[in-house]
Amino acid sequence: QVQLVESGGGVVQAGDSLRLSCAASGRAFSGYAKGWFRQGPGNEREFVAGLSWSGTNTHYADSVKGRFTISRDSAKNTMYLQMNSLKPEDTGVYYCATDRQKYGSVSYSSSDYDYWGQGTQVTVSS
């Protein structure tokens, strides 16, 4: 079992920055690819960023490339999403998740992730 708890969301203005955190407990955080997803109003959950199980490779949705950075602190069993130059279209509930396959590659599909946090709301006003 894995428990994931996100934090760091909030209400900001366009152009501002936020850093989301995802604290993990239970199953070892290492050895599994990890991802951040978001779900905006009326939209399906979409991939935002992913981190390989080794922590050496990162993946980003085109819409956030150059603005968001995914990282982890293995000692703290915590993953982060640094979000800069936020836009109103970044608004949504952000979720962290871990891949179901150990040593698997980063997937852009939410169905490949088995553990999810409860989500944290990010609202960006124009």
Foldseek 3Di string as FASTA:
>chain_A
DKAWAKDWADEEAAQAKIKMKIFMDDPQLAQWKKFKWWADVPGDIWTAKIAASVRPDIDGDPVQPPFWDWGADNVRNMIMIIGGRDDQVVWGWMKMFTFPDGRDGDDGDPVRTDDIYPTDTHGYHD
